[in-house]
Amino acid sequence: MFDGIAPSYDRLNHIMSLDVDKLWRKHVLKEIVGPEPLNILDVACGTGDSTIAIAKASAEGSVVIGVDISMGMMALVNEKARKAGVSDKISLQVADGEDLPFADRSFERVCCVFGIRNFEHKEKGLEEFYRVLSPGGKLVILELSVPAGKVPRWAYGIYFRHILPWIGGAVSGDKAAYKYLPASVYAFPSPEEFCRMMEGAGFSDVRTESLSMGLCRSFIGLKSTP
């Protein structure tokens, strides 16, 4: 499915979110990068918007690796990274987020932007994120969510369940994919439940933040030092 919608994925994201998705990514960027060089893993990197933003903002000497299970999505990353001037800071690998091909304690940061809702076994993904993080490392997750208020939730449902699939189908030619998107968001665990899942995977100091009236949420967790 993601291979099929890859060519129109970026354009549709920006159209349907009114470019607010760029602000959400920028908001969590400060949690991912730092003044010192870091090894950073971007899981479910898709077409690389977050991977490229991280590479541009990270300190000199940082290593940024993007992984995704969809070769069609990642096929677009190299050209985008070249145009952004960061192709030398990014490496890509086809990989399943629930079975990462990296050694324990390989990264100081792991992030997953608009991707973990697509995991079949989210707990397994979180356990893998924890495994590849070094002690003192940080996990940063950004994910779409459903607004809590009655009126925003109603308006959101009208747009997300009815208007979005029509727009997505018209532009991409795959209406089913854009029916899957709202279904996956509504099926995602509540913020409280997902925080408990992170804690169950070993993360400490877990916190979540609502963005744009609950349209999006960030989840942050740390891997404690021994």
N, C-alpha and C. Protein backbone atom coordinates (compact mmCIF):
# COMPACT_ATOMS: atom_id res chain seq x y z
N MET A 1 0.81 -1.20 0.00
CA MET A 1 0.00 0.00 0.00
C MET A 1 0.85 1.26 0.00
N PHE A 2 1.86 1.31 0.87
CA PHE A 2 2.71 2.50 0.95
C PHE A 2 3.59 2.65 -0.29
N ASP A 3 4.02 1.52 -0.86
CA ASP A 3 4.74 1.61 -2.14
C ASP A 3 3.88 2.30 -3.19
N GLY A 4 2.59 1.95 -3.21
CA GLY A 4 1.70 2.47 -4.23
C GLY A 4 1.42 3.96 -4.11
N ILE A 5 1.33 4.47 -2.88
CA ILE A 5 1.00 5.89 -2.71
C ILE A 5 2.23 6.77 -2.55
N ALA A 6 3.42 6.17 -2.61
CA ALA A 6 4.66 6.92 -2.37
C ALA A 6 4.81 8.17 -3.24
N PRO A 7 4.54 8.12 -4.56
CA PRO A 7 4.78 9.31 -5.39
C PRO A 7 3.96 10.53 -4.98
N SER A 8 2.76 10.33 -4.43
CA SER A 8 1.91 11.47 -4.06
C SER A 8 1.86 11.70 -2.55
N TYR A 9 2.61 10.92 -1.79
CA TYR A 9 2.50 10.92 -0.33
C TYR A 9 2.83 12.28 0.28
N ASP A 10 3.96 12.87 -0.10
CA ASP A 10 4.37 14.15 0.48
C ASP A 10 3.37 15.25 0.16
N ARG A 11 2.97 15.33 -1.10
CA ARG A 11 2.05 16.40 -1.51
C ARG A 11 0.72 16.29 -0.77
N LEU A 12 0.22 15.08 -0.64
CA LEU A 12 -1.04 14.89 0.06
C LEU A 12 -0.93 15.22 1.54
N ASN A 13 0.18 14.82 2.16
CA ASN A 13 0.38 15.14 3.58
C ASN A 13 0.28 16.63 3.82
N HIS A 14 0.98 17.40 2.99
CA HIS A 14 1.02 18.85 3.20
C HIS A 14 -0.32 19.50 2.87
N ILE A 15 -1.00 18.99 1.83
CA ILE A 15 -2.30 19.54 1.47
C ILE A 15 -3.32 19.27 2.58
N MET A 16 -3.37 18.03 3.02
CA MET A 16 -4.42 17.63 3.95
C MET A 16 -4.20 18.13 5.37
N SER A 17 -2.97 18.43 5.72
CA SER A 17 -2.70 18.99 7.06
C SER A 17 -2.54 20.51 7.01
N LEU A 18 -2.69 21.11 5.82
CA LEU A 18 -2.46 22.55 5.64
C LEU A 18 -1.04 22.93 6.07
N ASP A 19 -0.12 22.02 5.85
CA ASP A 19 1.30 22.19 6.16
C ASP A 19 1.61 22.19 7.66
N VAL A 20 0.61 21.92 8.49
CA VAL A 20 0.84 21.90 9.94
C VAL A 20 1.76 20.75 10.33
N ASP A 21 1.80 19.69 9.51
CA ASP A 21 2.69 18.58 9.81
C ASP A 21 4.14 19.01 9.89
N LYS A 22 4.50 20.05 9.12
CA LYS A 22 5.87 20.57 9.18
C LYS A 22 6.15 21.20 10.55
N LEU A 23 5.17 21.89 11.10
CA LEU A 23 5.32 22.52 12.42
C LEU A 23 5.43 21.45 13.51
N TRP A 24 4.66 20.37 13.38
CA TRP A 24 4.74 19.29 14.36
C TRP A 24 6.13 18.66 14.36
N ARG A 25 6.68 18.42 13.18
CA ARG A 25 8.03 17.86 13.10
C ARG A 25 9.05 18.82 13.72
N LYS A 26 8.91 20.09 13.41
CA LYS A 26 9.84 21.09 13.94
C LYS A 26 9.76 21.16 15.46
N HIS A 27 8.55 20.97 16.00
CA HIS A 27 8.36 21.06 17.44
C HIS A 27 9.16 19.99 18.18
N VAL A 28 9.20 18.76 17.65
CA VAL A 28 9.89 17.68 18.36
C VAL A 28 11.37 17.61 18.00
N LEU A 29 11.80 18.38 17.00
CA LEU A 29 13.19 18.29 16.56
C LEU A 29 14.16 18.61 17.68
N LYS A 30 13.79 19.55 18.55
CA LYS A 30 14.67 19.93 19.66
C LYS A 30 14.86 18.78 20.65
N GLU A 31 13.95 17.82 20.65
CA GLU A 31 14.08 16.65 21.53
C GLU A 31 15.01 15.60 20.93
N ILE A 32 15.24 15.69 19.61
CA ILE A 32 16.01 14.67 18.91
C ILE A 32 17.47 15.05 18.75
N VAL A 33 17.73 16.28 18.34
CA VAL A 33 19.10 16.71 18.08
C VAL A 33 19.66 17.44 19.30
N GLY A 34 20.97 17.66 19.28
CA GLY A 34 21.62 18.38 20.37
C GLY A 34 22.89 19.05 19.86
N PRO A 35 23.61 19.73 20.74
CA PRO A 35 24.83 20.42 20.31
C PRO A 35 25.99 19.48 20.02
N GLU A 36 25.88 18.24 20.50
CA GLU A 36 26.96 17.28 20.32
C GLU A 36 26.58 16.28 19.22
N PRO A 37 27.58 15.64 18.59
CA PRO A 37 27.29 14.63 17.57
C PRO A 37 26.54 13.45 18.19
N LEU A 38 25.54 12.94 17.49
CA LEU A 38 24.73 11.84 17.99
C LEU A 38 24.51 10.81 16.89
N ASN A 39 24.36 9.56 17.30
CA ASN A 39 23.88 8.52 16.40
C ASN A 39 22.37 8.46 16.53
N ILE A 40 21.67 8.73 15.43
CA ILE A 40 20.22 8.90 15.46
C ILE A 40 19.58 7.92 14.48
N LEU A 41 18.58 7.18 14.95
CA LEU A 41 17.84 6.24 14.12
C LEU A 41 16.41 6.75 13.92
N ASP A 42 16.01 6.91 12.67
CA ASP A 42 14.65 7.32 12.32
C ASP A 42 13.92 6.11 11.77
N VAL A 43 13.01 5.55 12.58
CA VAL A 43 12.31 4.32 12.22
C VAL A 43 11.02 4.67 11.48
N ALA A 44 10.69 3.87 10.46
CA ALA A 44 9.53 4.14 9.61
C ALA A 44 9.68 5.53 8.99
N CYS A 45 10.82 5.75 8.39
CA CYS A 45 11.18 7.09 7.91
C CYS A 45 10.39 7.52 6.68
N GLY A 46 9.73 6.57 6.00
CA GLY A 46 8.91 6.93 4.86
C GLY A 46 9.70 7.62 3.77
N THR A 47 9.20 8.75 3.29
CA THR A 47 9.86 9.50 2.22
C THR A 47 10.93 10.45 2.74
N GLY A 48 11.20 10.40 4.04
CA GLY A 48 12.39 11.05 4.57
C GLY A 48 12.25 12.49 5.05
N ASP A 49 11.04 13.03 5.16
CA ASP A 49 10.91 14.42 5.62
C ASP A 49 11.56 14.61 6.98
N SER A 50 11.27 13.71 7.92
CA SER A 50 11.85 13.84 9.26
C SER A 50 13.34 13.53 9.25
N THR A 51 13.74 12.52 8.49
CA THR A 51 15.15 12.15 8.41
C THR A 51 15.99 13.32 7.92
N ILE A 52 15.51 13.99 6.90
CA ILE A 52 16.23 15.13 6.33
C ILE A 52 16.27 16.30 7.29
N ALA A 53 15.14 16.58 7.96
CA ALA A 53 15.11 17.66 8.95
C ALA A 53 16.08 17.40 10.08
N ILE A 54 16.17 16.15 10.51
CA ILE A 54 17.11 15.78 11.59
C ILE A 54 18.55 15.97 11.12
N ALA A 55 18.84 15.52 9.92
CA ALA A 55 20.20 15.65 9.38
C ALA A 55 20.61 17.12 9.27
N LYS A 56 19.68 17.97 8.84
CA LYS A 56 19.98 19.40 8.70
C LYS A 56 20.24 20.06 10.05
N ALA A 57 19.52 19.61 11.08
CA ALA A 57 19.61 20.26 12.39
C ALA A 57 20.67 19.65 13.31
N SER A 58 21.14 18.46 13.00
CA SER A 58 22.06 17.76 13.90
C SER A 58 23.47 18.33 13.82
N ALA A 59 24.21 18.11 14.90
CA ALA A 59 25.57 18.63 14.98
C ALA A 59 26.49 17.92 13.99
N GLU A 60 27.53 18.61 13.59
CA GLU A 60 28.53 18.03 12.69
C GLU A 60 29.09 16.76 13.31
N GLY A 61 29.20 15.72 12.49
CA GLY A 61 29.70 14.44 13.00
C GLY A 61 28.59 13.48 13.39
N SER A 62 27.34 13.94 13.36
CA SER A 62 26.22 13.06 13.68
C SER A 62 26.00 12.04 12.56
N VAL A 63 25.48 10.89 12.93
CA VAL A 63 25.13 9.85 11.97
C VAL A 63 23.62 9.67 12.04
N VAL A 64 22.94 9.81 10.90
CA VAL A 64 21.49 9.69 10.84
C VAL A 64 21.14 8.53 9.91
N ILE A 65 20.46 7.53 10.46
CA ILE A 65 20.06 6.35 9.70
C ILE A 65 18.54 6.31 9.62
N GLY A 66 18.01 6.18 8.42
CA GLY A 66 16.58 6.02 8.22
C GLY A 66 16.27 4.60 7.80
N VAL A 67 15.28 4.00 8.44
CA VAL A 67 14.85 2.65 8.07
C VAL A 67 13.35 2.66 7.80
N ASP A 68 12.93 1.84 6.85
CA ASP A 68 11.52 1.69 6.54
C ASP A 68 11.32 0.34 5.87
N ILE A 69 10.12 -0.18 5.98
CA ILE A 69 9.82 -1.47 5.37
C ILE A 69 9.40 -1.31 3.91
N SER A 70 9.08 -0.08 3.50
CA SER A 70 8.61 0.20 2.15
C SER A 70 9.74 0.75 1.28
N MET A 71 10.18 -0.05 0.32
CA MET A 71 11.22 0.41 -0.59
C MET A 71 10.71 1.54 -1.48
N GLY A 72 9.42 1.52 -1.81
CA GLY A 72 8.84 2.56 -2.63
C GLY A 72 8.90 3.92 -1.97
N MET A 73 8.66 3.96 -0.67
CA MET A 73 8.75 5.23 0.05
C MET A 73 10.19 5.71 0.11
N MET A 74 11.11 4.82 0.47
CA MET A 74 12.50 5.22 0.65
C MET A 74 13.19 5.56 -0.66
N ALA A 75 12.63 5.12 -1.78
CA ALA A 75 13.23 5.43 -3.08
C ALA A 75 13.27 6.93 -3.33
N LEU A 76 12.42 7.68 -2.64
CA LEU A 76 12.35 9.12 -2.84
C LEU A 76 13.32 9.90 -1.95
N VAL A 77 13.89 9.25 -0.94
CA VAL A 77 14.66 9.98 0.06
C VAL A 77 15.97 10.53 -0.49
N ASN A 78 16.70 9.74 -1.26
CA ASN A 78 18.04 10.15 -1.69
C ASN A 78 18.03 11.46 -2.48
N GLU A 79 17.08 11.57 -3.41
CA GLU A 79 17.00 12.79 -4.23
C GLU A 79 16.61 13.99 -3.36
N LYS A 80 15.68 13.78 -2.43
CA LYS A 80 15.27 14.86 -1.52
C LYS A 80 16.45 15.28 -0.63
N ALA A 81 17.22 14.31 -0.16
CA ALA A 81 18.37 14.62 0.69
C ALA A 81 19.45 15.35 -0.09
N ARG A 82 19.62 14.97 -1.36
CA ARG A 82 20.62 15.66 -2.20
C ARG A 82 20.23 17.12 -2.39
N LYS A 83 18.98 17.37 -2.68
CA LYS A 83 18.51 18.74 -2.87
C LYS A 83 18.63 19.56 -1.59
N ALA A 84 18.49 18.89 -0.44
CA ALA A 84 18.60 19.58 0.84
C ALA A 84 20.05 19.73 1.29
N GLY A 85 20.98 19.12 0.58
CA GLY A 85 22.40 19.23 0.92
C GLY A 85 22.85 18.39 2.07
N VAL A 86 22.10 17.30 2.37
CA VAL A 86 22.47 16.47 3.53
C VAL A 86 22.62 14.99 3.16
N SER A 87 22.79 14.71 1.89
CA SER A 87 22.89 13.30 1.47
C SER A 87 24.09 12.61 2.10
N ASP A 88 25.13 13.36 2.44
CA ASP A 88 26.32 12.76 3.05
C ASP A 88 26.11 12.41 4.52
N LYS A 89 25.05 12.93 5.13
CA LYS A 89 24.80 12.67 6.56
C LYS A 89 23.77 11.58 6.79
N ILE A 90 23.16 11.08 5.72
CA ILE A 90 22.06 10.12 5.85
C ILE A 90 22.42 8.80 5.19
N SER A 91 22.11 7.70 5.88
CA SER A 91 22.16 6.39 5.25
C SER A 91 20.80 5.72 5.45
N LEU A 92 20.44 4.84 4.51
CA LEU A 92 19.12 4.23 4.51
C LEU A 92 19.23 2.71 4.50
N GLN A 93 18.24 2.07 5.11
CA GLN A 93 18.24 0.61 5.13
C GLN A 93 16.79 0.12 5.19
N VAL A 94 16.45 -0.84 4.34
CA VAL A 94 15.14 -1.47 4.42
C VAL A 94 15.12 -2.37 5.65
N ALA A 95 14.19 -2.10 6.55
CA ALA A 95 14.14 -2.88 7.79
C ALA A 95 12.77 -2.78 8.42
N ASP A 96 12.41 -3.80 9.16
CA ASP A 96 11.16 -3.87 9.90
C ASP A 96 11.40 -3.26 11.29
N GLY A 97 10.57 -2.31 11.66
CA GLY A 97 10.73 -1.66 12.96
C GLY A 97 10.55 -2.59 14.14
N GLU A 98 9.96 -3.76 13.91
CA GLU A 98 9.79 -4.73 14.99
C GLU A 98 10.96 -5.71 15.06
N ASP A 99 11.91 -5.58 14.14
CA ASP A 99 13.07 -6.48 14.10
C ASP A 99 14.25 -5.71 13.51
N LEU A 100 14.77 -4.77 14.27
CA LEU A 100 15.79 -3.86 13.76
C LEU A 100 17.14 -4.56 13.63
N PRO A 101 17.85 -4.35 12.53
CA PRO A 101 19.12 -5.05 12.28
C PRO A 101 20.33 -4.30 12.86
N PHE A 102 20.22 -3.88 14.11
CA PHE A 102 21.29 -3.12 14.74
C PHE A 102 21.62 -3.74 16.10
N ALA A 103 22.87 -3.56 16.50
CA ALA A 103 23.31 -4.09 17.78
C ALA A 103 22.67 -3.33 18.94
N ASP A 104 22.65 -3.96 20.10
CA ASP A 104 22.17 -3.30 21.32
C ASP A 104 22.98 -2.02 21.55
N ARG A 105 22.31 -0.99 22.06
CA ARG A 105 22.95 0.25 22.50
C ARG A 105 23.68 0.98 21.36
N SER A 106 23.10 0.99 20.19
CA SER A 106 23.77 1.58 19.02
C SER A 106 23.50 3.06 18.84
N PHE A 107 22.41 3.59 19.44
CA PHE A 107 21.98 4.96 19.14
C PHE A 107 21.69 5.76 20.41
N GLU A 108 22.01 7.05 20.34
CA GLU A 108 21.64 7.95 21.44
C GLU A 108 20.21 8.48 21.30
N ARG A 109 19.69 8.42 20.09
CA ARG A 109 18.32 8.85 19.84
C ARG A 109 17.65 7.86 18.88
N VAL A 110 16.40 7.55 19.18
CA VAL A 110 15.54 6.81 18.25
C VAL A 110 14.26 7.62 18.11
N CYS A 111 13.82 7.83 16.88
CA CYS A 111 12.56 8.53 16.67
C CYS A 111 11.69 7.75 15.70
N CYS A 112 10.40 7.99 15.78
CA CYS A 112 9.44 7.37 14.88
C CYS A 112 8.32 8.38 14.67
N VAL A 113 8.24 8.94 13.48
CA VAL A 113 7.32 10.04 13.19
C VAL A 113 6.21 9.54 12.27
N PHE A 114 4.99 9.54 12.78
CA PHE A 114 3.80 9.10 12.04
C PHE A 114 3.97 7.69 11.50
N GLY A 115 4.59 6.82 12.29
CA GLY A 115 4.83 5.48 11.80
C GLY A 115 4.39 4.36 12.71
N ILE A 116 4.43 4.57 14.02
CA ILE A 116 4.22 3.42 14.90
C ILE A 116 2.77 2.94 14.90
N ARG A 117 1.83 3.78 14.49
CA ARG A 117 0.45 3.29 14.43
C ARG A 117 0.30 2.18 13.38
N ASN A 118 1.26 2.09 12.44
CA ASN A 118 1.21 1.07 11.40
C ASN A 118 1.86 -0.25 11.83
N PHE A 119 2.48 -0.27 13.02
CA PHE A 119 3.11 -1.50 13.49
C PHE A 119 2.03 -2.51 13.87
N GLU A 120 2.23 -3.75 13.47
CA GLU A 120 1.28 -4.80 13.86
C GLU A 120 1.39 -5.08 15.35
N HIS A 121 2.62 -5.08 15.86
CA HIS A 121 2.85 -5.34 17.29
C HIS A 121 3.62 -4.15 17.87
N LYS A 122 2.90 -3.19 18.39
CA LYS A 122 3.54 -1.95 18.87
C LYS A 122 4.45 -2.20 20.06
N GLU A 123 4.06 -3.13 20.92
CA GLU A 123 4.91 -3.44 22.07
C GLU A 123 6.27 -3.97 21.61
N LYS A 124 6.26 -4.82 20.58
CA LYS A 124 7.52 -5.36 20.05
C LYS A 124 8.37 -4.24 19.48
N GLY A 125 7.75 -3.30 18.77
CA GLY A 125 8.49 -2.16 18.25
C GLY A 125 9.13 -1.34 19.36
N LEU A 126 8.38 -1.08 20.40
CA LEU A 126 8.91 -0.30 21.53
C LEU A 126 10.07 -1.04 22.20
N GLU A 127 9.95 -2.34 22.32
CA GLU A 127 11.05 -3.13 22.90
C GLU A 127 12.30 -3.05 22.04
N GLU A 128 12.14 -3.05 20.71
CA GLU A 128 13.27 -2.91 19.81
C GLU A 128 13.90 -1.52 19.92
N PHE A 129 13.06 -0.49 20.02
CA PHE A 129 13.58 0.86 20.18
C PHE A 129 14.43 0.93 21.45
N TYR A 130 13.92 0.33 22.52
CA TYR A 130 14.65 0.35 23.80
C TYR A 130 15.97 -0.41 23.67
N ARG A 131 15.94 -1.53 22.99
CA ARG A 131 17.14 -2.36 22.86
C ARG A 131 18.27 -1.63 22.16
N VAL A 132 17.96 -0.93 21.07
CA VAL A 132 19.03 -0.30 20.28
C VAL A 132 19.46 1.05 20.85
N LEU A 133 18.73 1.56 21.84
CA LEU A 133 19.15 2.81 22.48
C LEU A 133 20.27 2.55 23.47
N SER A 134 21.19 3.47 23.55
CA SER A 134 22.23 3.40 24.57
C SER A 134 21.69 3.94 25.89
N PRO A 135 22.26 3.55 27.02
CA PRO A 135 21.81 4.09 28.31
C PRO A 135 21.88 5.61 28.32
N GLY A 136 20.83 6.25 28.80
CA GLY A 136 20.75 7.70 28.76
C GLY A 136 20.15 8.22 27.47
N GLY A 137 19.87 7.32 26.52
CA GLY A 137 19.30 7.71 25.24
C GLY A 137 17.83 8.05 25.34
N LYS A 138 17.30 8.61 24.26
CA LYS A 138 15.93 9.13 24.27
C LYS A 138 15.15 8.61 23.07
N LEU A 139 13.90 8.23 23.33
CA LEU A 139 12.96 7.87 22.28
C LEU A 139 11.99 9.03 22.07
N VAL A 140 11.78 9.43 20.81
CA VAL A 140 10.84 10.49 20.47
C VAL A 140 9.87 9.96 19.43
N ILE A 141 8.60 9.96 19.78
CA ILE A 141 7.55 9.49 18.88
C ILE A 141 6.58 10.63 18.61
N LEU A 142 6.22 10.81 17.35
CA LEU A 142 5.21 11.78 16.96
C LEU A 142 4.13 11.00 16.22
N GLU A 143 2.88 11.20 16.63
CA GLU A 143 1.82 10.41 16.01
C GLU A 143 0.51 11.20 15.94
N LEU A 144 -0.26 10.94 14.90
CA LEU A 144 -1.58 11.53 14.77
C LEU A 144 -2.49 11.01 15.87
N SER A 145 -3.45 11.85 16.30
CA SER A 145 -4.37 11.43 17.35
C SER A 145 -5.73 12.05 17.12
N VAL A 146 -6.67 11.64 17.94
CA VAL A 146 -8.05 12.11 17.82
C VAL A 146 -8.30 13.15 18.90
N PRO A 147 -8.82 14.34 18.54
CA PRO A 147 -9.07 15.39 19.54
C PRO A 147 -10.02 14.90 20.63
N ALA A 148 -9.85 15.43 21.83
CA ALA A 148 -10.65 14.98 22.97
C ALA A 148 -11.99 15.70 23.06
N GLY A 149 -12.05 16.97 22.69
CA GLY A 149 -13.28 17.75 22.82
C GLY A 149 -14.39 17.23 21.91
N LYS A 150 -15.65 17.37 22.34
CA LYS A 150 -16.79 16.82 21.61
C LYS A 150 -16.93 17.44 20.21
N VAL A 151 -16.89 18.77 20.13
CA VAL A 151 -17.07 19.44 18.84
C VAL A 151 -15.86 19.21 17.93
N PRO A 152 -14.61 19.43 18.41
CA PRO A 152 -13.46 19.12 17.54
C PRO A 152 -13.43 17.67 17.08
N ARG A 153 -13.84 16.76 17.97
CA ARG A 153 -13.85 15.34 17.61
C ARG A 153 -14.88 15.06 16.51
N TRP A 154 -16.04 15.72 16.60
CA TRP A 154 -17.08 15.55 15.58
C TRP A 154 -16.59 16.07 14.22
N ALA A 155 -16.04 17.30 14.22
CA ALA A 155 -15.56 17.89 12.97
C ALA A 155 -14.42 17.06 12.39
N TYR A 156 -13.55 16.59 13.25
CA TYR A 156 -12.44 15.75 12.84
C TYR A 156 -12.94 14.47 12.17
N GLY A 157 -13.98 13.87 12.76
CA GLY A 157 -14.54 12.64 12.21
C GLY A 157 -15.11 12.84 10.82
N ILE A 158 -15.81 13.96 10.62
CA ILE A 158 -16.37 14.26 9.30
C ILE A 158 -15.26 14.39 8.27
N TYR A 159 -14.22 15.16 8.61
CA TYR A 159 -13.12 15.37 7.67
C TYR A 159 -12.34 14.09 7.43
N PHE A 160 -11.98 13.41 8.52
CA PHE A 160 -11.05 12.30 8.43
C PHE A 160 -11.69 11.06 7.81
N ARG A 161 -12.97 10.83 8.10
CA ARG A 161 -13.62 9.61 7.62
C ARG A 161 -14.23 9.77 6.23
N HIS A 162 -14.57 11.00 5.86
CA HIS A 162 -15.32 11.18 4.62
C HIS A 162 -14.59 12.05 3.58
N ILE A 163 -14.08 13.20 4.01
CA ILE A 163 -13.45 14.12 3.05
C ILE A 163 -12.05 13.65 2.67
N LEU A 164 -11.26 13.26 3.67
CA LEU A 164 -9.87 12.86 3.42
C LEU A 164 -9.76 11.68 2.45
N PRO A 165 -10.55 10.60 2.62
CA PRO A 165 -10.44 9.51 1.64
C PRO A 165 -10.77 9.94 0.22
N TRP A 166 -11.72 10.87 0.07
CA TRP A 166 -12.07 11.34 -1.27
C TRP A 166 -10.90 12.11 -1.89
N ILE A 167 -10.30 13.04 -1.12
CA ILE A 167 -9.15 13.81 -1.63
C ILE A 167 -7.98 12.88 -1.92
N GLY A 168 -7.67 12.01 -0.95
CA GLY A 168 -6.55 11.10 -1.12
C GLY A 168 -6.73 10.18 -2.31
N GLY A 169 -7.96 9.68 -2.50
CA GLY A 169 -8.22 8.81 -3.62
C GLY A 169 -8.11 9.53 -4.95
N ALA A 170 -8.59 10.78 -4.98
CA ALA A 170 -8.55 11.56 -6.22
C ALA A 170 -7.12 11.85 -6.65
N VAL A 171 -6.26 12.15 -5.69
CA VAL A 171 -4.88 12.53 -6.02
C VAL A 171 -3.99 11.30 -6.24
N SER A 172 -4.14 10.30 -5.36
CA SER A 172 -3.23 9.14 -5.42
C SER A 172 -3.77 7.99 -6.26
N GLY A 173 -5.10 7.97 -6.48
CA GLY A 173 -5.70 6.85 -7.18
C GLY A 173 -5.95 5.65 -6.29
N ASP A 174 -5.74 5.79 -4.98
CA ASP A 174 -5.90 4.68 -4.04
C ASP A 174 -6.75 5.14 -2.86
N LYS A 175 -8.06 5.11 -3.03
CA LYS A 175 -8.95 5.56 -1.96
C LYS A 175 -8.86 4.68 -0.73
N ALA A 176 -8.61 3.38 -0.95
CA ALA A 176 -8.54 2.43 0.17
C ALA A 176 -7.43 2.81 1.14
N ALA A 177 -6.30 3.29 0.59
CA ALA A 177 -5.18 3.68 1.45
C ALA A 177 -5.58 4.82 2.38
N TYR A 178 -6.40 5.72 1.87
CA TYR A 178 -6.79 6.87 2.68
C TYR A 178 -8.05 6.62 3.49
N LYS A 179 -8.60 5.42 3.37
CA LYS A 179 -9.56 4.93 4.36
C LYS A 179 -8.80 4.25 5.50
N TYR A 180 -7.69 3.62 5.14
CA TYR A 180 -6.85 2.97 6.15
C TYR A 180 -6.30 4.00 7.14
N LEU A 181 -5.90 5.16 6.63
CA LEU A 181 -5.27 6.18 7.49
C LEU A 181 -6.16 6.55 8.68
N PRO A 182 -7.41 7.00 8.47
CA PRO A 182 -8.22 7.32 9.64
C PRO A 182 -8.50 6.11 10.53
N ALA A 183 -8.67 4.94 9.90
CA ALA A 183 -8.92 3.74 10.70
C ALA A 183 -7.75 3.46 11.63
N SER A 184 -6.52 3.65 11.13
CA SER A 184 -5.34 3.39 11.96
C SER A 184 -5.20 4.39 13.09
N VAL A 185 -5.62 5.63 12.86
CA VAL A 185 -5.55 6.65 13.91
C VAL A 185 -6.58 6.36 15.00
N TYR A 186 -7.79 6.02 14.60
CA TYR A 186 -8.84 5.72 15.58
C TYR A 186 -8.51 4.45 16.38
N ALA A 187 -7.77 3.54 15.77
CA ALA A 187 -7.42 2.29 16.45
C ALA A 187 -6.21 2.43 17.37
N PHE A 188 -5.52 3.57 17.30
CA PHE A 188 -4.31 3.75 18.10
C PHE A 188 -4.68 3.84 19.59
N PRO A 189 -3.83 3.30 20.47
CA PRO A 189 -4.14 3.36 21.90
C PRO A 189 -4.31 4.80 22.40
N SER A 190 -5.05 4.95 23.49
CA SER A 190 -5.19 6.27 24.11
C SER A 190 -3.82 6.75 24.59
N PRO A 191 -3.64 8.07 24.77
CA PRO A 191 -2.35 8.57 25.25
C PRO A 191 -1.90 7.89 26.54
N GLU A 192 -2.83 7.68 27.46
CA GLU A 192 -2.48 7.05 28.74
C GLU A 192 -2.04 5.60 28.53
N GLU A 193 -2.77 4.89 27.67
CA GLU A 193 -2.42 3.50 27.41
C GLU A 193 -1.08 3.38 26.71
N PHE A 194 -0.82 4.28 25.75
CA PHE A 194 0.45 4.20 25.03
C PHE A 194 1.63 4.53 25.95
N CYS A 195 1.43 5.49 26.85
CA CYS A 195 2.49 5.79 27.82
C CYS A 195 2.79 4.57 28.69
N ARG A 196 1.74 3.85 29.07
CA ARG A 196 1.95 2.63 29.86
C ARG A 196 2.69 1.58 29.04
N MET A 197 2.40 1.50 27.74
CA MET A 197 3.12 0.57 26.88
C MET A 197 4.60 0.92 26.82
N MET A 198 4.91 2.21 26.74
CA MET A 198 6.31 2.63 26.74
C MET A 198 7.00 2.25 28.05
N GLU A 199 6.32 2.47 29.15
CA GLU A 199 6.89 2.10 30.45
C GLU A 199 7.08 0.59 30.54
N GLY A 200 6.12 -0.17 29.99
CA GLY A 200 6.24 -1.62 29.99
C GLY A 200 7.43 -2.11 29.18
N ALA A 201 7.85 -1.34 28.18
CA ALA A 201 9.01 -1.69 27.36
C ALA A 201 10.32 -1.30 28.04
N GLY A 202 10.23 -0.59 29.18
CA GLY A 202 11.43 -0.23 29.93
C GLY A 202 11.71 1.25 30.04
N PHE A 203 10.97 2.09 29.32
CA PHE A 203 11.27 3.52 29.30
C PHE A 203 10.85 4.20 30.61
N SER A 204 11.63 5.18 31.00
CA SER A 204 11.34 5.96 32.21
C SER A 204 11.09 7.42 31.83
N ASP A 205 10.58 8.18 32.80
CA ASP A 205 10.28 9.60 32.58
C ASP A 205 9.44 9.80 31.32
N VAL A 206 8.47 8.93 31.12
CA VAL A 206 7.62 8.98 29.93
C VAL A 206 6.66 10.17 30.04
N ARG A 207 6.55 10.91 28.96
CA ARG A 207 5.63 12.05 28.94
C ARG A 207 5.03 12.20 27.55
N THR A 208 3.87 12.84 27.52
CA THR A 208 3.19 13.08 26.24
C THR A 208 2.71 14.51 26.19
N GLU A 209 2.61 15.06 25.00
CA GLU A 209 2.16 16.44 24.81
C GLU A 209 1.18 16.49 23.65
N SER A 210 0.07 17.18 23.87
CA SER A 210 -0.93 17.37 22.84
C SER A 210 -0.57 18.56 21.97
N LEU A 211 -0.67 18.39 20.66
CA LEU A 211 -0.37 19.47 19.71
C LEU A 211 -1.60 19.76 18.86
N SER A 212 -1.82 21.03 18.58
CA SER A 212 -2.93 21.47 17.72
C SER A 212 -4.26 20.87 18.17
N MET A 213 -4.59 21.11 19.44
CA MET A 213 -5.87 20.67 20.02
C MET A 213 -6.05 19.15 19.97
N GLY A 214 -4.93 18.43 20.01
CA GLY A 214 -5.01 16.98 20.06
C GLY A 214 -4.98 16.29 18.71
N LEU A 215 -4.77 17.05 17.62
CA LEU A 215 -4.65 16.42 16.30
C LEU A 215 -3.39 15.56 16.19
N CYS A 216 -2.42 15.87 17.02
CA CYS A 216 -1.13 15.17 16.99
C CYS A 216 -0.62 15.09 18.42
N ARG A 217 0.21 14.11 18.72
CA ARG A 217 0.80 13.97 20.04
C ARG A 217 2.26 13.55 19.93
N SER A 218 3.04 14.07 20.85
CA SER A 218 4.41 13.59 20.99
C SER A 218 4.48 12.71 22.22
N PHE A 219 5.34 11.70 22.16
CA PHE A 219 5.61 10.81 23.28
C PHE A 219 7.12 10.72 23.46
N ILE A 220 7.59 11.01 24.65
CA ILE A 220 9.03 11.01 24.93
C ILE A 220 9.31 10.03 26.06
N GLY A 221 10.39 9.26 25.93
CA GLY A 221 10.80 8.36 26.99
C GLY A 221 12.32 8.21 27.01
N LEU A 222 12.86 7.93 28.18
CA LEU A 222 14.31 7.80 28.33
C LEU A 222 14.69 6.35 28.68
N LYS A 223 15.88 5.97 28.25
CA LYS A 223 16.46 4.71 28.69
C LYS A 223 17.41 5.03 29.81
N SER A 224 17.08 4.60 31.00
CA SER A 224 17.85 4.97 32.18
C SER A 224 19.27 4.44 32.08
N THR A 225 20.19 5.19 32.68
CA THR A 225 21.58 4.73 32.76
C THR A 225 21.65 3.60 33.78
N PRO A 226 22.59 2.69 33.61
CA PRO A 226 22.70 1.53 34.52
C PRO A 226 22.95 1.98 35.95
